[in-house]
């Protein structure tokens, strides 16, 4: 039974936020971590950057701009997702509507949490990243099966991903759903070794 939306191909405009060392507290501030559900966290994504003290959206913050609404690919700066291990950070990005984050490097714990929650973290070479940063709002194609990102100018870059994480994302299952799908094989094994 799928737990997240399967990812095969994502065609989307990009939102470019090339700030380096964005930590998980900037992605989703700690004051919003009292919840155990993902629903609604997208409204709090980058909260301290997105909203005035009055709660009104800041018109100059890139994700707030009308032309970037509905974009599913975030182009982030180097070392994205550093800091604490809060799982709420990929939850907020996913709930907001992002399906992939592209950077030159992504913090390990954030990357693992993202993969487990239906968000594809993509690491590309600096030259490809620079092209993405230089063309905000351009359309890209992320092909998880081929493990490629294709830019609007035709540039194609391959990206690495763990085989099991790739399987789970392609099939829209998390680790628990995968284990549950193996119940019959597990029971057969237990019968053999008992």
C-alpha atoms as a PDB file:
ATOM      1  CA  UNK A   1       0.000   0.000   0.000  1.00  0.00           C
ATOM      2  CA  UNK A   2       1.608   3.316  -1.060  1.00  0.00           C
ATOM      3  CA  UNK A   3       2.457   5.727   1.741  1.00  0.00           C
ATOM      4  CA  UNK A   4       3.646   8.615  -0.444  1.00  0.00           C
ATOM      5  CA  UNK A   5       3.083   9.690  -3.999  1.00  0.00           C
ATOM      6  CA  UNK A   6       5.368   7.638  -6.298  1.00  0.00           C
ATOM      7  CA  UNK A   7       8.041   9.604  -8.119  1.00  0.00           C
ATOM      8  CA  UNK A   8       8.994   8.573 -11.631  1.00  0.00           C
ATOM      9  CA  UNK A   9       9.276  11.785 -13.657  1.00  0.00           C
ATOM     10  CA  UNK A  10       8.800  15.293 -12.306  1.00  0.00           C
ATOM     11  CA  UNK A  11       8.471  18.104 -14.849  1.00  0.00           C
ATOM     12  CA  UNK A  12       8.355  21.431 -13.131  1.00  0.00           C
ATOM     13  CA  UNK A  13       9.535  24.988 -12.961  1.00  0.00           C
ATOM     14  CA  UNK A  14      12.212  25.610 -10.369  1.00  0.00           C
ATOM     15  CA  UNK A  15      12.220  27.760  -7.279  1.00  0.00           C
ATOM     16  CA  UNK A  16      15.768  28.994  -6.726  1.00  0.00           C
ATOM     17  CA  UNK A  17      16.869  29.656  -3.146  1.00  0.00           C
ATOM     18  CA  UNK A  18      20.683  29.604  -3.443  1.00  0.00           C
ATOM     19  CA  UNK A  19      21.400  30.332   0.229  1.00  0.00           C
ATOM     20  CA  UNK A  20      24.218  28.152   1.569  1.00  0.00           C
ATOM     21  CA  UNK A  21      24.063  26.195   4.830  1.00  0.00           C
ATOM     22  CA  UNK A  22      20.287  26.327   5.213  1.00  0.00           C
ATOM     23  CA  UNK A  23      19.667  24.356   8.381  1.00  0.00           C
ATOM     24  CA  UNK A  24      16.570  22.454   9.395  1.00  0.00           C
ATOM     25  CA  UNK A  25      15.541  25.198  11.854  1.00  0.00           C
ATOM     26  CA  UNK A  26      15.370  27.642   8.945  1.00  0.00           C
ATOM     27  CA  UNK A  27      13.393  25.122   6.888  1.00  0.00           C
ATOM     28  CA  UNK A  28      10.879  24.608   9.725  1.00  0.00           C
ATOM     29  CA  UNK A  29      11.415  26.572  12.967  1.00  0.00           C
ATOM     30  CA  UNK A  30      11.402  24.586  16.210  1.00  0.00           C
ATOM     31  CA  UNK A  31       8.216  26.242  17.486  1.00  0.00           C
ATOM     32  CA  UNK A  32       6.251  24.294  14.853  1.00  0.00           C
ATOM     33  CA  UNK A  33       7.573  20.859  15.839  1.00  0.00           C
ATOM     34  CA  UNK A  34       4.864  20.000  18.339  1.00  0.00           C
ATOM     35  CA  UNK A  35       2.896  18.068  15.737  1.00  0.00           C
ATOM     36  CA  UNK A  36       3.131  14.420  14.757  1.00  0.00           C
ATOM     37  CA  UNK A  37       1.395  14.794  11.417  1.00  0.00           C
ATOM     38  CA  UNK A  38       2.723  16.182   8.151  1.00  0.00           C
ATOM     39  CA  UNK A  39      -0.480  17.976   7.179  1.00  0.00           C
ATOM     40  CA  UNK A  40      -0.188  21.748   7.287  1.00  0.00           C
ATOM     41  CA  UNK A  41       3.570  21.946   7.774  1.00  0.00           C
ATOM     42  CA  UNK A  42       3.970  23.376   4.272  1.00  0.00           C
ATOM     43  CA  UNK A  43       2.316  26.549   5.563  1.00  0.00           C
ATOM     44  CA  UNK A  44       5.220  26.896   8.022  1.00  0.00           C
ATOM     45  CA  UNK A  45       8.003  26.151   5.523  1.00  0.00           C
ATOM     46  CA  UNK A  46      10.731  28.826   5.782  1.00  0.00           C
ATOM     47  CA  UNK A  47       8.333  30.641   8.111  1.00  0.00           C
ATOM     48  CA  UNK A  48      10.785  33.205   9.459  1.00  0.00           C
ATOM     49  CA  UNK A  49      11.814  34.135   5.909  1.00  0.00           C
ATOM     50  CA  UNK A  50       8.359  33.902   4.276  1.00  0.00           C
ATOM     51  CA  UNK A  51       6.239  35.976   6.637  1.00  0.00           C
ATOM     52  CA  UNK A  52       6.236  39.436   8.198  1.00  0.00           C
ATOM     53  CA  UNK A  53       5.774  39.595  11.974  1.00  0.00           C
ATOM     54  CA  UNK A  54       2.098  40.306  11.245  1.00  0.00           C
ATOM     55  CA  UNK A  55       1.827  36.953   9.448  1.00  0.00           C
ATOM     56  CA  UNK A  56       1.510  38.506   6.001  1.00  0.00           C
ATOM     57  CA  UNK A  57       3.648  36.850   3.280  1.00  0.00           C
ATOM     58  CA  UNK A  58       6.751  38.817   2.290  1.00  0.00           C
ATOM     59  CA  UNK A  59       6.282  39.618  -1.416  1.00  0.00           C
ATOM     60  CA  UNK A  60      10.031  39.577  -2.155  1.00  0.00           C
ATOM     61  CA  UNK A  61      10.641  36.069  -0.763  1.00  0.00           C
ATOM     62  CA  UNK A  62      11.008  33.890  -3.863  1.00  0.00           C
ATOM     63  CA  UNK A  63       8.583  31.032  -2.990  1.00  0.00           C
ATOM     64  CA  UNK A  64       5.894  33.651  -2.235  1.00  0.00           C
ATOM     65  CA  UNK A  65       6.022  35.102  -5.738  1.00  0.00           C
ATOM     66  CA  UNK A  66       3.082  34.158  -7.952  1.00  0.00           C
ATOM     67  CA  UNK A  67       5.213  32.909 -10.850  1.00  0.00           C
ATOM     68  CA  UNK A  68       6.740  30.212  -8.626  1.00  0.00           C
ATOM     69  CA  UNK A  69       3.510  28.876  -7.144  1.00  0.00           C
ATOM     70  CA  UNK A  70       3.069  25.162  -7.811  1.00  0.00           C
ATOM     71  CA  UNK A  71       6.750  24.548  -8.588  1.00  0.00           C
ATOM     72  CA  UNK A  72       7.887  21.114  -7.424  1.00  0.00           C
ATOM     73  CA  UNK A  73      11.666  21.480  -7.665  1.00  0.00           C
ATOM     74  CA  UNK A  74      13.652  23.564  -5.186  1.00  0.00           C
ATOM     75  CA  UNK A  75      17.165  24.566  -6.244  1.00  0.00           C
ATOM     76  CA  UNK A  76      18.998  25.136  -2.967  1.00  0.00           C
ATOM     77  CA  UNK A  77      22.428  26.372  -1.968  1.00  0.00           C
ATOM     78  CA  UNK A  78      25.330  24.202  -0.864  1.00  0.00           C
ATOM     79  CA  UNK A  79      24.989  22.104   2.326  1.00  0.00           C
ATOM     80  CA  UNK A  80      21.198  22.194   2.346  1.00  0.00           C
ATOM     81  CA  UNK A  81      19.455  20.665   5.374  1.00  0.00           C
ATOM     82  CA  UNK A  82      22.353  20.867   7.800  1.00  0.00           C
ATOM     83  CA  UNK A  83      21.779  21.122  11.544  1.00  0.00           C
ATOM     84  CA  UNK A  84      19.476  18.948  13.601  1.00  0.00           C
ATOM     85  CA  UNK A  85      17.898  15.726  12.438  1.00  0.00           C
ATOM     86  CA  UNK A  86      14.287  16.883  12.536  1.00  0.00           C
ATOM     87  CA  UNK A  87      12.124  14.875  10.173  1.00  0.00           C
ATOM     88  CA  UNK A  88       9.697  17.795  10.055  1.00  0.00           C
ATOM     89  CA  UNK A  89      11.979  19.583   7.551  1.00  0.00           C
ATOM     90  CA  UNK A  90      11.333  17.182   4.635  1.00  0.00           C
ATOM     91  CA  UNK A  91       7.713  16.880   5.810  1.00  0.00           C
ATOM     92  CA  UNK A  92       7.295  20.649   5.405  1.00  0.00           C
ATOM     93  CA  UNK A  93       8.933  20.695   1.975  1.00  0.00           C
ATOM     94  CA  UNK A  94       6.778  17.780   0.812  1.00  0.00           C
ATOM     95  CA  UNK A  95       3.567  19.251   2.241  1.00  0.00           C
ATOM     96  CA  UNK A  96       4.347  22.547   0.491  1.00  0.00           C
ATOM     97  CA  UNK A  97       4.478  20.668  -2.807  1.00  0.00           C
ATOM     98  CA  UNK A  98       8.153  20.107  -3.483  1.00  0.00           C
ATOM     99  CA  UNK A  99       9.071  16.664  -4.779  1.00  0.00           C
ATOM    100  CA  UNK A 100      12.794  17.268  -5.328  1.00  0.00           C
ATOM    101  CA  UNK A 101      15.572  19.423  -3.873  1.00  0.00           C
ATOM    102  CA  UNK A 102      18.652  20.039  -6.035  1.00  0.00           C
ATOM    103  CA  UNK A 103      21.947  21.229  -4.554  1.00  0.00           C
ATOM    104  CA  UNK A 104      25.691  20.743  -4.774  1.00  0.00           C
ATOM    105  CA  UNK A 105      25.571  19.005  -1.383  1.00  0.00           C
ATOM    106  CA  UNK A 106      22.828  17.911   0.985  1.00  0.00           C
ATOM    107  CA  UNK A 107      23.349  17.063   4.650  1.00  0.00           C
ATOM    108  CA  UNK A 108      23.348  13.307   5.261  1.00  0.00           C
ATOM    109  CA  UNK A 109      20.654  13.150   7.936  1.00  0.00           C
ATOM    110  CA  UNK A 110      18.363  15.458   5.971  1.00  0.00           C
ATOM    111  CA  UNK A 111      18.961  13.384   2.824  1.00  0.00           C
ATOM    112  CA  UNK A 112      18.018  10.166   4.607  1.00  0.00           C
ATOM    113  CA  UNK A 113      14.913  11.725   6.155  1.00  0.00           C
ATOM    114  CA  UNK A 114      13.891  13.139   2.775  1.00  0.00           C
ATOM    115  CA  UNK A 115      14.236   9.775   1.041  1.00  0.00           C
ATOM    116  CA  UNK A 116      12.106   8.118   3.724  1.00  0.00           C
ATOM    117  CA  UNK A 117       9.358  10.704   3.270  1.00  0.00           C
ATOM    118  CA  UNK A 118       8.884  10.923  -0.494  1.00  0.00           C
ATOM    119  CA  UNK A 119      11.203  13.864  -1.190  1.00  0.00           C
ATOM    120  CA  UNK A 120      14.022  13.311  -3.697  1.00  0.00           C
ATOM    121  CA  UNK A 121      17.346  14.958  -2.722  1.00  0.00           C
ATOM    122  CA  UNK A 122      19.523  15.444  -5.796  1.00  0.00           C
ATOM    123  CA  UNK A 123      23.197  16.358  -5.787  1.00  0.00           C
ATOM    124  CA  UNK A 124      24.609  17.791  -9.025  1.00  0.00           C
ATOM    125  CA  UNK A 125      27.960  19.172 -10.075  1.00  0.00           C
ATOM    126  CA  UNK A 126      28.668  22.862  -9.537  1.00  0.00           C
ATOM    127  CA  UNK A 127      28.462  23.752 -13.266  1.00  0.00           C
ATOM    128  CA  UNK A 128      24.943  22.273 -13.543  1.00  0.00           C
ATOM    129  CA  UNK A 129      23.893  23.956 -10.301  1.00  0.00           C
ATOM    130  CA  UNK A 130      25.168  27.308 -11.565  1.00  0.00           C
ATOM    131  CA  UNK A 131      22.995  26.947 -14.687  1.00  0.00           C
ATOM    132  CA  UNK A 132      19.951  26.222 -12.527  1.00  0.00           C
ATOM    133  CA  UNK A 133      20.642  29.190 -10.252  1.00  0.00           C
ATOM    134  CA  UNK A 134      21.093  31.470 -13.282  1.00  0.00           C
ATOM    135  CA  UNK A 135      17.693  30.499 -14.744  1.00  0.00           C
ATOM    136  CA  UNK A 136      15.112  30.633 -11.923  1.00  0.00           C
ATOM    137  CA  UNK A 137      11.687  29.422 -12.933  1.00  0.00           C
ATOM    138  CA  UNK A 138      13.019  27.419 -15.858  1.00  0.00           C
ATOM    139  CA  UNK A 139      11.492  24.022 -16.488  1.00  0.00           C
ATOM    140  CA  UNK A 140      13.460  20.938 -15.543  1.00  0.00           C
ATOM    141  CA  UNK A 141      12.732  17.247 -15.887  1.00  0.00           C
ATOM    142  CA  UNK A 142      13.733  14.932 -13.073  1.00  0.00           C
ATOM    143  CA  UNK A 143      13.690  11.306 -14.189  1.00  0.00           C
ATOM    144  CA  UNK A 144      14.165   9.022 -11.208  1.00  0.00           C
ATOM    145  CA  UNK A 145      14.197   5.849 -13.309  1.00  0.00           C
ATOM    146  CA  UNK A 146      17.080   7.190 -15.415  1.00  0.00           C
ATOM    147  CA  UNK A 147      18.548   9.099 -12.439  1.00  0.00           C
ATOM    148  CA  UNK A 148      18.850  12.271 -14.498  1.00  0.00           C
ATOM    149  CA  UNK A 149      17.962  15.942 -14.327  1.00  0.00           C
ATOM    150  CA  UNK A 150      17.444  17.641 -17.686  1.00  0.00           C
ATOM    151  CA  UNK A 151      17.599  21.434 -17.817  1.00  0.00           C
ATOM    152  CA  UNK A 152      15.648  23.665 -20.186  1.00  0.00           C
ATOM    153  CA  UNK A 153      18.750  24.100 -22.403  1.00  0.00           C
ATOM    154  CA  UNK A 154      19.049  20.319 -22.838  1.00  0.00           C
ATOM    155  CA  UNK A 155      21.873  19.811 -20.354  1.00  0.00           C
ATOM    156  CA  UNK A 156      21.448  16.437 -18.676  1.00  0.00           C
ATOM    157  CA  UNK A 157      23.112  15.455 -15.419  1.00  0.00           C
ATOM    158  CA  UNK A 158      23.068  12.089 -13.682  1.00  0.00           C
ATOM    159  CA  UNK A 159      22.617  11.884  -9.928  1.00  0.00           C
ATOM    160  CA  UNK A 160      23.386   9.090  -7.453  1.00  0.00           C
ATOM    161  CA  UNK A 161      20.747   7.449  -5.262  1.00  0.00           C
ATOM    162  CA  UNK A 162      20.709   4.363  -3.079  1.00  0.00           C
ATOM    163  CA  UNK A 163      18.989   1.474  -4.895  1.00  0.00           C
ATOM    164  CA  UNK A 164      16.550   0.683  -2.066  1.00  0.00           C
ATOM    165  CA  UNK A 165      15.572   4.347  -1.637  1.00  0.00           C
ATOM    166  CA  UNK A 166      15.074   4.593  -5.404  1.00  0.00           C
ATOM    167  CA  UNK A 167      12.820   1.511  -5.348  1.00  0.00           C
ATOM    168  CA  UNK A 168      10.737   2.963  -2.511  1.00  0.00           C
ATOM    169  CA  UNK A 169      10.321   6.357  -4.219  1.00  0.00           C
ATOM    170  CA  UNK A 170       9.454   4.809  -7.580  1.00  0.00           C
ATOM    171  CA  UNK A 171       6.799   2.656  -5.915  1.00  0.00           C
ATOM    172  CA  UNK A 172       5.503   5.199  -3.406  1.00  0.00           C
ATOM    173  CA  UNK A 173       6.282   3.105  -0.354  1.00  0.00           C
ATOM    174  CA  UNK A 174       8.224   3.832   2.781  1.00  0.00           C
ATOM    175  CA  UNK A 175      10.386   1.277   4.589  1.00  0.00           C
ATOM    176  CA  UNK A 176       7.502   0.046   6.740  1.00  0.00           C
ATOM    177  CA  UNK A 177       5.183  -0.409   3.754  1.00  0.00           C
ATOM    178  CA  UNK A 178       7.961  -2.328   1.990  1.00  0.00           C
ATOM    179  CA  UNK A 179       8.404  -4.650   4.967  1.00  0.00           C
ATOM    180  CA  UNK A 180       4.653  -5.197   5.196  1.00  0.00           C
ATOM    181  CA  UNK A 181       4.581  -6.098   1.505  1.00  0.00           C
ATOM    182  CA  UNK A 182       7.069  -8.886   2.284  1.00  0.00           C
ATOM    183  CA  UNK A 183       4.873 -10.466   4.980  1.00  0.00           C
ATOM    184  CA  UNK A 184       4.261 -13.668   3.007  1.00  0.00           C
ATOM    185  CA  UNK A 185       7.962 -14.170   2.259  1.00  0.00           C
ATOM    186  CA  UNK A 186       8.845 -13.482   5.905  1.00  0.00           C
ATOM    187  CA  UNK A 187       6.247 -16.013   7.100  1.00  0.00           C
ATOM    188  CA  UNK A 188       7.557 -18.623   4.610  1.00  0.00           C
ATOM    189  CA  UNK A 189      11.114 -18.072   5.860  1.00  0.00           C
ATOM    190  CA  UNK A 190      10.013 -18.427   9.493  1.00  0.00           C
ATOM    191  CA  UNK A 191       8.243 -21.703   8.653  1.00  0.00           C
ATOM    192  CA  UNK A 192      11.424 -23.029   6.994  1.00  0.00           C
ATOM    193  CA  UNK A 193      13.748 -22.186   9.876  1.00  0.00           C
ATOM    194  CA  UNK A 194      11.377 -23.175  12.697  1.00  0.00           C
END
